Amino acid sequence: EVKVPTVVVAVEEDRLVPRADLVALAEALPCAR
């Protein structure tokens, strides 16, 4: 549903928002930059 150009930033050591979740987010975004 997010249809605007998007930059995603993940932190390897982040224990609250794991890198894998943000990689999956970026892969699912229609307009990931």
Full PDB file with SEQRES, HELIX, SHEET, SSBOND, CRYST1, ORIGX, SCALE, CONECT and MASTER records, all heavy atoms in Angstrom:
SEQRES   1 A   33  GLU VAL LYS VAL PRO THR VAL VAL VAL ALA VAL GLU GLU          
SEQRES   2 A   33  ASP ARG LEU VAL PRO ARG ALA ASP LEU VAL ALA LEU ALA          
SEQRES   3 A   33  GLU ALA LEU PRO CYS ALA ARG                                  
HELIX    1 AA1 ARG A   19  ALA A   28  1                                  10    
CRYST1    1.000    1.000    1.000  90.00  90.00  90.00 P 1           1          
ORIGX1      1.000000  0.000000  0.000000        0.00000                         
ORIGX2      0.000000  1.000000  0.000000        0.00000                         
ORIGX3      0.000000  0.000000  1.000000        0.00000                         
SCALE1      1.000000  0.000000  0.000000        0.00000                         
SCALE2      0.000000  1.000000  0.000000        0.00000                         
SCALE3      0.000000  0.000000  1.000000        0.00000                         
ATOM      1  N   GLU A   1       0.810  -1.208   0.000  1.00  0.00           N  
ATOM      2  CA  GLU A   1       0.000   0.000   0.000  1.00  0.00           C  
ATOM      3  C   GLU A   1       0.848   1.266   0.000  1.00  0.00           C  
ATOM      4  O   GLU A   1       0.326   2.364  -0.178  1.00  0.00           O  
ATOM      5  CB  GLU A   1      -0.925  -0.001   1.211  1.00  0.00           C  
ATOM      6  CG  GLU A   1      -1.934  -1.149   1.224  1.00  0.00           C  
ATOM      7  CD  GLU A   1      -2.781  -1.147   2.476  1.00  0.00           C  
ATOM      8  OE1 GLU A   1      -2.506  -0.331   3.376  1.00  0.00           O  
ATOM      9  OE2 GLU A   1      -3.725  -1.947   2.559  1.00  0.00           O  
ATOM     10  N   VAL A   2       2.158   1.108   0.216  1.00  0.00           N  
ATOM     11  CA  VAL A   2       3.068   2.260   0.249  1.00  0.00           C  
ATOM     12  C   VAL A   2       3.589   2.479  -1.168  1.00  0.00           C  
ATOM     13  O   VAL A   2       4.520   1.796  -1.612  1.00  0.00           O  
ATOM     14  CB  VAL A   2       4.230   2.025   1.229  1.00  0.00           C  
ATOM     15  CG1 VAL A   2       5.189   3.210   1.239  1.00  0.00           C  
ATOM     16  CG2 VAL A   2       3.681   1.767   2.631  1.00  0.00           C  
ATOM     17  N   LYS A   3       3.024   3.434  -1.869  1.00  0.00           N  
ATOM     18  CA  LYS A   3       3.317   3.607  -3.293  1.00  0.00           C  
ATOM     19  C   LYS A   3       4.059   4.896  -3.585  1.00  0.00           C  
ATOM     20  O   LYS A   3       3.871   5.522  -4.625  1.00  0.00           O  
ATOM     21  CB  LYS A   3       2.016   3.524  -4.092  1.00  0.00           C  
ATOM     22  CG  LYS A   3       1.337   2.161  -3.954  1.00  0.00           C  
ATOM     23  CD  LYS A   3       0.023   2.084  -4.702  1.00  0.00           C  
ATOM     24  CE  LYS A   3      -0.630   0.719  -4.511  1.00  0.00           C  
ATOM     25  NZ  LYS A   3      -1.943   0.610  -5.194  1.00  0.00           N  
ATOM     26  N   VAL A   4       4.922   5.303  -2.641  1.00  0.00           N  
ATOM     27  CA  VAL A   4       5.802   6.452  -2.873  1.00  0.00           C  
ATOM     28  C   VAL A   4       7.243   5.960  -2.813  1.00  0.00           C  
ATOM     29  O   VAL A   4       7.537   4.951  -2.165  1.00  0.00           O  
ATOM     30  CB  VAL A   4       5.564   7.561  -1.826  1.00  0.00           C  
ATOM     31  CG1 VAL A   4       4.115   8.029  -1.855  1.00  0.00           C  
ATOM     32  CG2 VAL A   4       5.950   7.094  -0.429  1.00  0.00           C  
ATOM     33  N   PRO A   5       8.172   6.623  -3.505  1.00  0.00           N  
ATOM     34  CA  PRO A   5       9.580   6.216  -3.432  1.00  0.00           C  
ATOM     35  C   PRO A   5      10.059   6.192  -1.980  1.00  0.00           C  
ATOM     36  O   PRO A   5       9.857   7.150  -1.236  1.00  0.00           O  
ATOM     37  CB  PRO A   5      10.291   7.311  -4.239  1.00  0.00           C  
ATOM     38  CG  PRO A   5       9.243   7.834  -5.167  1.00  0.00           C  
ATOM     39  CD  PRO A   5       7.955   7.778  -4.402  1.00  0.00           C  
ATOM     40  N   THR A   6      10.695   5.091  -1.586  1.00  0.00           N  
ATOM     41  CA  THR A   6      11.036   4.887  -0.183  1.00  0.00           C  
ATOM     42  C   THR A   6      12.473   4.423  -0.027  1.00  0.00           C  
ATOM     43  O   THR A   6      12.925   3.511  -0.723  1.00  0.00           O  
ATOM     44  CB  THR A   6      10.095   3.847   0.460  1.00  0.00           C  
ATOM     45  OG1 THR A   6       8.741   4.298   0.345  1.00  0.00           O  
ATOM     46  CG2 THR A   6      10.426   3.645   1.926  1.00  0.00           C  
ATOM     47  N   VAL A   7      13.186   5.054   0.900  1.00  0.00           N  
ATOM     48  CA  VAL A   7      14.517   4.631   1.324  1.00  0.00           C  
ATOM     49  C   VAL A   7      14.371   3.963   2.687  1.00  0.00           C  
ATOM     50  O   VAL A   7      13.768   4.537   3.604  1.00  0.00           O  
ATOM     51  CB  VAL A   7      15.484   5.825   1.419  1.00  0.00           C  
ATOM     52  CG1 VAL A   7      16.823   5.392   2.023  1.00  0.00           C  
ATOM     53  CG2 VAL A   7      15.687   6.458   0.051  1.00  0.00           C  
ATOM     54  N   VAL A   8      14.901   2.761   2.827  1.00  0.00           N  
ATOM     55  CA  VAL A   8      14.818   2.007   4.079  1.00  0.00           C  
ATOM     56  C   VAL A   8      16.211   1.915   4.697  1.00  0.00           C  
ATOM     57  O   VAL A   8      17.191   1.645   3.983  1.00  0.00           O  
ATOM     58  CB  VAL A   8      14.248   0.592   3.840  1.00  0.00           C  
ATOM     59  CG1 VAL A   8      14.231  -0.218   5.136  1.00  0.00           C  
ATOM     60  CG2 VAL A   8      12.840   0.678   3.243  1.00  0.00           C  
ATOM     61  N   VAL A   9      16.297   2.144   5.996  1.00  0.00           N  
ATOM     62  CA  VAL A   9      17.577   2.068   6.702  1.00  0.00           C  
ATOM     63  C   VAL A   9      17.445   1.053   7.838  1.00  0.00           C  
ATOM     64  O   VAL A   9      16.560   1.172   8.692  1.00  0.00           O  
ATOM     65  CB  VAL A   9      17.994   3.434   7.275  1.00  0.00           C  
ATOM     66  CG1 VAL A   9      19.367   3.325   7.951  1.00  0.00           C  
ATOM     67  CG2 VAL A   9      18.015   4.499   6.180  1.00  0.00           C  
ATOM     68  N   ALA A  10      18.326   0.064   7.843  1.00  0.00           N  
ATOM     69  CA  ALA A  10      18.349  -0.969   8.882  1.00  0.00           C  
ATOM     70  C   ALA A  10      19.690  -0.930   9.600  1.00  0.00           C  
ATOM     71  O   ALA A  10      20.706  -0.495   9.036  1.00  0.00           O  
ATOM     72  CB  ALA A  10      18.115  -2.350   8.269  1.00  0.00           C  
ATOM     73  N   VAL A  11      19.702  -1.404  10.845  1.00  0.00           N  
ATOM     74  CA  VAL A  11      20.922  -1.482  11.644  1.00  0.00           C  
ATOM     75  C   VAL A  11      21.145  -2.932  12.033  1.00  0.00           C  
ATOM     76  O   VAL A  11      20.261  -3.578  12.613  1.00  0.00           O  
ATOM     77  CB  VAL A  11      20.830  -0.588  12.903  1.00  0.00           C  
ATOM     78  CG1 VAL A  11      22.107  -0.704  13.731  1.00  0.00           C  
ATOM     79  CG2 VAL A  11      20.565   0.864  12.513  1.00  0.00           C  
ATOM     80  N   GLU A  12      22.299  -3.447  11.705  1.00  0.00           N  
ATOM     81  CA  GLU A  12      22.606  -4.866  11.920  1.00  0.00           C  
ATOM     82  C   GLU A  12      22.377  -5.277  13.370  1.00  0.00           C  
ATOM     83  O   GLU A  12      21.852  -6.352  13.646  1.00  0.00           O  
ATOM     84  CB  GLU A  12      24.063  -5.130  11.516  1.00  0.00           C  
ATOM     85  CG  GLU A  12      24.535  -6.549  11.744  1.00  0.00           C  
ATOM     86  CD  GLU A  12      23.922  -7.525  10.746  1.00  0.00           C  
ATOM     87  OE1 GLU A  12      23.720  -7.128   9.580  1.00  0.00           O  
ATOM     88  OE2 GLU A  12      23.655  -8.673  11.138  1.00  0.00           O  
ATOM     89  N   GLU A  13      22.760  -4.409  14.312  1.00  0.00           N  
ATOM     90  CA  GLU A  13      22.698  -4.774  15.733  1.00  0.00           C  
ATOM     91  C   GLU A  13      21.371  -4.401  16.403  1.00  0.00           C  
ATOM     92  O   GLU A  13      21.247  -4.548  17.626  1.00  0.00           O  
ATOM     93  CB  GLU A  13      23.864  -4.099  16.476  1.00  0.00           C  
ATOM     94  CG  GLU A  13      25.242  -4.616  16.090  1.00  0.00           C  
ATOM     95  CD  GLU A  13      25.772  -4.018  14.776  1.00  0.00           C  
ATOM     96  OE1 GLU A  13      25.093  -3.118  14.216  1.00  0.00           O  
ATOM     97  OE2 GLU A  13      26.840  -4.433  14.315  1.00  0.00           O  
ATOM     98  N   ASP A  14      20.420  -3.928  15.652  1.00  0.00           N  
ATOM     99  CA  ASP A  14      19.133  -3.520  16.208  1.00  0.00           C  
ATOM    100  C   ASP A  14      18.351  -4.748  16.671  1.00  0.00           C  
ATOM    101  O   ASP A  14      17.991  -5.607  15.874  1.00  0.00           O  
ATOM    102  CB  ASP A  14      18.335  -2.757  15.144  1.00  0.00           C  
ATOM    103  CG  ASP A  14      17.096  -2.069  15.703  1.00  0.00           C  
ATOM    104  OD1 ASP A  14      16.619  -2.473  16.779  1.00  0.00           O  
ATOM    105  OD2 ASP A  14      16.612  -1.129  15.053  1.00  0.00           O  
ATOM    106  N   ARG A  15      18.087  -4.847  17.973  1.00  0.00           N  
ATOM    107  CA  ARG A  15      17.367  -5.999  18.509  1.00  0.00           C  
ATOM    108  C   ARG A  15      15.858  -5.786  18.523  1.00  0.00           C  
ATOM    109  O   ARG A  15      15.107  -6.727  18.765  1.00  0.00           O  
ATOM    110  CB  ARG A  15      17.863  -6.313  19.930  1.00  0.00           C  
ATOM    111  CG  ARG A  15      19.329  -6.743  19.972  1.00  0.00           C  
ATOM    112  CD  ARG A  15      19.682  -7.315  21.322  1.00  0.00           C  
ATOM    113  NE  ARG A  15      19.651  -6.293  22.363  1.00  0.00           N  
ATOM    114  CZ  ARG A  15      19.669  -6.565  23.668  1.00  0.00           C  
ATOM    115  NH1 ARG A  15      19.691  -7.820  24.074  1.00  0.00           N  
ATOM    116  NH2 ARG A  15      19.656  -5.589  24.550  1.00  0.00           N  
ATOM    117  N   LEU A  16      15.413  -4.553  18.280  1.00  0.00           N  
ATOM    118  CA  LEU A  16      13.980  -4.278  18.269  1.00  0.00           C  
ATOM    119  C   LEU A  16      13.378  -4.384  16.877  1.00  0.00           C  
ATOM    120  O   LEU A  16      12.253  -4.843  16.708  1.00  0.00           O  
ATOM    121  CB  LEU A  16      13.707  -2.879  18.838  1.00  0.00           C  
ATOM    122  CG  LEU A  16      13.941  -2.706  20.332  1.00  0.00           C  
ATOM    123  CD1 LEU A  16      13.586  -1.283  20.749  1.00  0.00           C  
ATOM    124  CD2 LEU A  16      13.134  -3.700  21.138  1.00  0.00           C  
ATOM    125  N   VAL A  17      14.118  -3.912  15.889  1.00  0.00           N  
ATOM    126  CA  VAL A  17      13.657  -3.972  14.494  1.00  0.00           C  
ATOM    127  C   VAL A  17      14.745  -4.707  13.702  1.00  0.00           C  
ATOM    128  O   VAL A  17      15.652  -4.090  13.154  1.00  0.00           O  
ATOM    129  CB  VAL A  17      13.410  -2.570  13.918  1.00  0.00           C  
ATOM    130  CG1 VAL A  17      12.785  -2.661  12.531  1.00  0.00           C  
ATOM    131  CG2 VAL A  17      12.502  -1.758  14.841  1.00  0.00           C  
ATOM    132  N   PRO A  18      14.690  -6.022  13.639  1.00  0.00           N  
ATOM    133  CA  PRO A  18      15.767  -6.805  13.027  1.00  0.00           C  
ATOM    134  C   PRO A  18      15.966  -6.481  11.548  1.00  0.00           C  
ATOM    135  O   PRO A  18      15.023  -6.132  10.834  1.00  0.00           O  
ATOM    136  CB  PRO A  18      15.297  -8.258  13.211  1.00  0.00           C  
ATOM    137  CG  PRO A  18      14.324  -8.212  14.345  1.00  0.00           C  
ATOM    138  CD  PRO A  18      13.652  -6.880  14.241  1.00  0.00           C  
ATOM    139  N   ARG A  19      17.212  -6.648  11.121  1.00  0.00           N  
ATOM    140  CA  ARG A  19      17.557  -6.391   9.720  1.00  0.00           C  
ATOM    141  C   ARG A  19      16.667  -7.186   8.779  1.00  0.00           C  
ATOM    142  O   ARG A  19      16.202  -6.664   7.759  1.00  0.00           O  
ATOM    143  CB  ARG A  19      19.024  -6.762   9.471  1.00  0.00           C  
ATOM    144  CG  ARG A  19      19.446  -6.599   8.022  1.00  0.00           C  
ATOM    145  CD  ARG A  19      20.823  -7.167   7.769  1.00  0.00           C  
ATOM    146  NE  ARG A  19      20.836  -8.623   7.908  1.00  0.00           N  
ATOM    147  CZ  ARG A  19      21.872  -9.388   7.569  1.00  0.00           C  
ATOM    148  NH1 ARG A  19      22.971  -8.829   7.111  1.00  0.00           N  
ATOM    149  NH2 ARG A  19      21.811 -10.694   7.714  1.00  0.00           N  
ATOM    150  N   ALA A  20      16.397  -8.447   9.106  1.00  0.00           N  
ATOM    151  CA  ALA A  20      15.613  -9.298   8.205  1.00  0.00           C  
ATOM    152  C   ALA A  20      14.235  -8.705   7.945  1.00  0.00           C  
ATOM    153  O   ALA A  20      13.710  -8.800   6.824  1.00  0.00           O  
ATOM    154  CB  ALA A  20      15.482 -10.704   8.799  1.00  0.00           C  
ATOM    155  N   ASP A  21      13.628  -8.095   8.970  1.00  0.00           N  
ATOM    156  CA  ASP A  21      12.311  -7.500   8.786  1.00  0.00           C  
ATOM    157  C   ASP A  21      12.358  -6.342   7.802  1.00  0.00           C  
ATOM    158  O   ASP A  21      11.437  -6.150   6.985  1.00  0.00           O  
ATOM    159  CB  ASP A  21      11.757  -7.005  10.123  1.00  0.00           C  
ATOM    160  CG  ASP A  21      11.259  -8.148  10.997  1.00  0.00           C  
ATOM    161  OD1 ASP A  21      11.543  -9.313  10.669  1.00  0.00           O  
ATOM    162  OD2 ASP A  21      10.583  -7.870  12.008  1.00  0.00           O  
ATOM    163  N   LEU A  22      13.422  -5.541   7.867  1.00  0.00           N  
ATOM    164  CA  LEU A  22      13.516  -4.376   6.986  1.00  0.00           C  
ATOM    165  C   LEU A  22      13.951  -4.769   5.574  1.00  0.00           C  
ATOM    166  O   LEU A  22      13.575  -4.113   4.605  1.00  0.00           O  
ATOM    167  CB  LEU A  22      14.461  -3.346   7.589  1.00  0.00           C  
ATOM    168  CG  LEU A  22      13.958  -2.750   8.908  1.00  0.00           C  
ATOM    169  CD1 LEU A  22      14.898  -1.663   9.425  1.00  0.00           C  
ATOM    170  CD2 LEU A  22      12.550  -2.198   8.757  1.00  0.00           C  
ATOM    171  N   VAL A  23      14.716  -5.833   5.450  1.00  0.00           N  
ATOM    172  CA  VAL A  23      15.007  -6.359   4.114  1.00  0.00           C  
ATOM    173  C   VAL A  23      13.714  -6.835   3.458  1.00  0.00           C  
ATOM    174  O   VAL A  23      13.435  -6.545   2.285  1.00  0.00           O  
ATOM    175  CB  VAL A  23      16.034  -7.509   4.191  1.00  0.00           C  
ATOM    176  CG1 VAL A  23      16.164  -8.208   2.837  1.00  0.00           C  
ATOM    177  CG2 VAL A  23      17.398  -6.976   4.640  1.00  0.00           C  
ATOM    178  N   ALA A  24      12.897  -7.556   4.242  1.00  0.00           N  
ATOM    179  CA  ALA A  24      11.607  -8.022   3.718  1.00  0.00           C  
ATOM    180  C   ALA A  24      10.710  -6.847   3.354  1.00  0.00           C  
ATOM    181  O   ALA A  24       9.993  -6.885   2.337  1.00  0.00           O  
ATOM    182  CB  ALA A  24      10.926  -8.917   4.744  1.00  0.00           C  
ATOM    183  N   LEU A  25      10.727  -5.788   4.174  1.00  0.00           N  
ATOM    184  CA  LEU A  25       9.942  -4.592   3.868  1.00  0.00           C  
ATOM    185  C   LEU A  25      10.384  -3.988   2.544  1.00  0.00           C  
ATOM    186  O   LEU A  25       9.557  -3.692   1.667  1.00  0.00           O  
ATOM    187  CB  LEU A  25      10.097  -3.562   4.990  1.00  0.00           C  
ATOM    188  CG  LEU A  25       9.533  -2.166   4.698  1.00  0.00           C  
ATOM    189  CD1 LEU A  25       8.024  -2.206   4.583  1.00  0.00           C  
ATOM    190  CD2 LEU A  25       9.972  -1.175   5.786  1.00  0.00           C  
ATOM    191  N   ALA A  26      11.684  -3.790   2.381  1.00  0.00           N  
ATOM    192  CA  ALA A  26      12.193  -3.178   1.158  1.00  0.00           C  
ATOM    193  C   ALA A  26      11.850  -4.018  -0.076  1.00  0.00           C  
ATOM    194  O   ALA A  26      11.521  -3.481  -1.138  1.00  0.00           O  
ATOM    195  CB  ALA A  26      13.705  -2.977   1.260  1.00  0.00           C  
ATOM    196  N   GLU A  27      11.908  -5.327   0.068  1.00  0.00           N  
ATOM    197  CA  GLU A  27      11.587  -6.209  -1.060  1.00  0.00           C  
ATOM    198  C   GLU A  27      10.106  -6.156  -1.424  1.00  0.00           C  
ATOM    199  O   GLU A  27       9.742  -6.362  -2.585  1.00  0.00           O  
ATOM    200  CB  GLU A  27      11.992  -7.635  -0.718  1.00  0.00           C  
ATOM    201  CG  GLU A  27      13.505  -7.835  -0.645  1.00  0.00           C  
ATOM    202  CD  GLU A  27      13.893  -9.228  -0.208  1.00  0.00           C  
ATOM    203  OE1 GLU A  27      13.036  -9.940   0.362  1.00  0.00           O  
ATOM    204  OE2 GLU A  27      15.058  -9.624  -0.423  1.00  0.00           O  
ATOM    205  N   ALA A  28       9.260  -5.847  -0.432  1.00  0.00           N  
ATOM    206  CA  ALA A  28       7.814  -5.833  -0.681  1.00  0.00           C  
ATOM    207  C   ALA A  28       7.296  -4.476  -1.133  1.00  0.00           C  
ATOM    208  O   ALA A  28       6.190  -4.389  -1.673  1.00  0.00           O  
ATOM    209  CB  ALA A  28       7.067  -6.268   0.586  1.00  0.00           C  
ATOM    210  N   LEU A  29       8.067  -3.421  -0.929  1.00  0.00           N  
ATOM    211  CA  LEU A  29       7.614  -2.082  -1.297  1.00  0.00           C  
ATOM    212  C   LEU A  29       7.577  -1.931  -2.819  1.00  0.00           C  
ATOM    213  O   LEU A  29       8.550  -2.267  -3.499  1.00  0.00           O  
ATOM    214  CB  LEU A  29       8.537  -1.022  -0.706  1.00  0.00           C  
ATOM    215  CG  LEU A  29       8.485  -0.832   0.812  1.00  0.00           C  
ATOM    216  CD1 LEU A  29       9.640   0.037   1.272  1.00  0.00           C  
ATOM    217  CD2 LEU A  29       7.151  -0.213   1.233  1.00  0.00           C  
ATOM    218  N   PRO A  30       6.512  -1.394  -3.365  1.00  0.00           N  
ATOM    219  CA  PRO A  30       6.439  -1.234  -4.820  1.00  0.00           C  
ATOM    220  C   PRO A  30       7.464  -0.242  -5.375  1.00  0.00           C  
ATOM    221  O   PRO A  30       7.887  -0.370  -6.520  1.00  0.00           O  
ATOM    222  CB  PRO A  30       5.004  -0.719  -5.045  1.00  0.00           C  
ATOM    223  CG  PRO A  30       4.256  -1.101  -3.822  1.00  0.00           C  
ATOM    224  CD  PRO A  30       5.245  -1.055  -2.704  1.00  0.00           C  
ATOM    225  N   CYS A  31       7.840   0.756  -4.550  1.00  0.00           N  
ATOM    226  CA  CYS A  31       8.713   1.832  -5.050  1.00  0.00           C  
ATOM    227  C   CYS A  31       9.947   2.011  -4.171  1.00  0.00           C  
ATOM    228  O   CYS A  31      10.362   3.140  -3.894  1.00  0.00           O  
ATOM    229  CB  CYS A  31       7.930   3.138  -5.134  1.00  0.00           C  
ATOM    230  SG  CYS A  31       6.469   3.102  -6.180  1.00  0.00           S  
ATOM    231  N   ALA A  32      10.529   0.910  -3.711  1.00  0.00           N  
ATOM    232  CA  ALA A  32      11.740   1.015  -2.897  1.00  0.00           C  
ATOM    233  C   ALA A  32      12.867   1.603  -3.729  1.00  0.00           C  
ATOM    234  O   ALA A  32      13.175   1.128  -4.821  1.00  0.00           O  
ATOM    235  CB  ALA A  32      12.141  -0.351  -2.361  1.00  0.00           C  
ATOM    236  N   ARG A  33      13.517   2.652  -3.208  1.00  0.00           N  
ATOM    237  CA  ARG A  33      14.636   3.287  -3.903  1.00  0.00           C  
ATOM    238  C   ARG A  33      15.970   2.681  -3.501  1.00  0.00           C  
ATOM    239  O   ARG A  33      16.859   2.493  -4.327  1.00  0.00           O  
ATOM    240  CB  ARG A  33      14.659   4.795  -3.606  1.00  0.00           C  
ATOM    241  CG  ARG A  33      13.617   5.610  -4.341  1.00  0.00           C  
ATOM    242  CD  ARG A  33      13.766   7.082  -4.002  1.00  0.00           C  
ATOM    243  NE  ARG A  33      15.137   7.535  -4.180  1.00  0.00           N  
ATOM    244  CZ  ARG A  33      15.629   8.655  -3.629  1.00  0.00           C  
ATOM    245  NH1 ARG A  33      14.867   9.388  -2.845  1.00  0.00           N  
ATOM    246  NH2 ARG A  33      16.878   9.019  -3.850  1.00  0.00           N  
TER     247      ARG A  33                                                      
MASTER        0    0    0    1    0    0    0    6  246    1    0    3          
END                                                                             
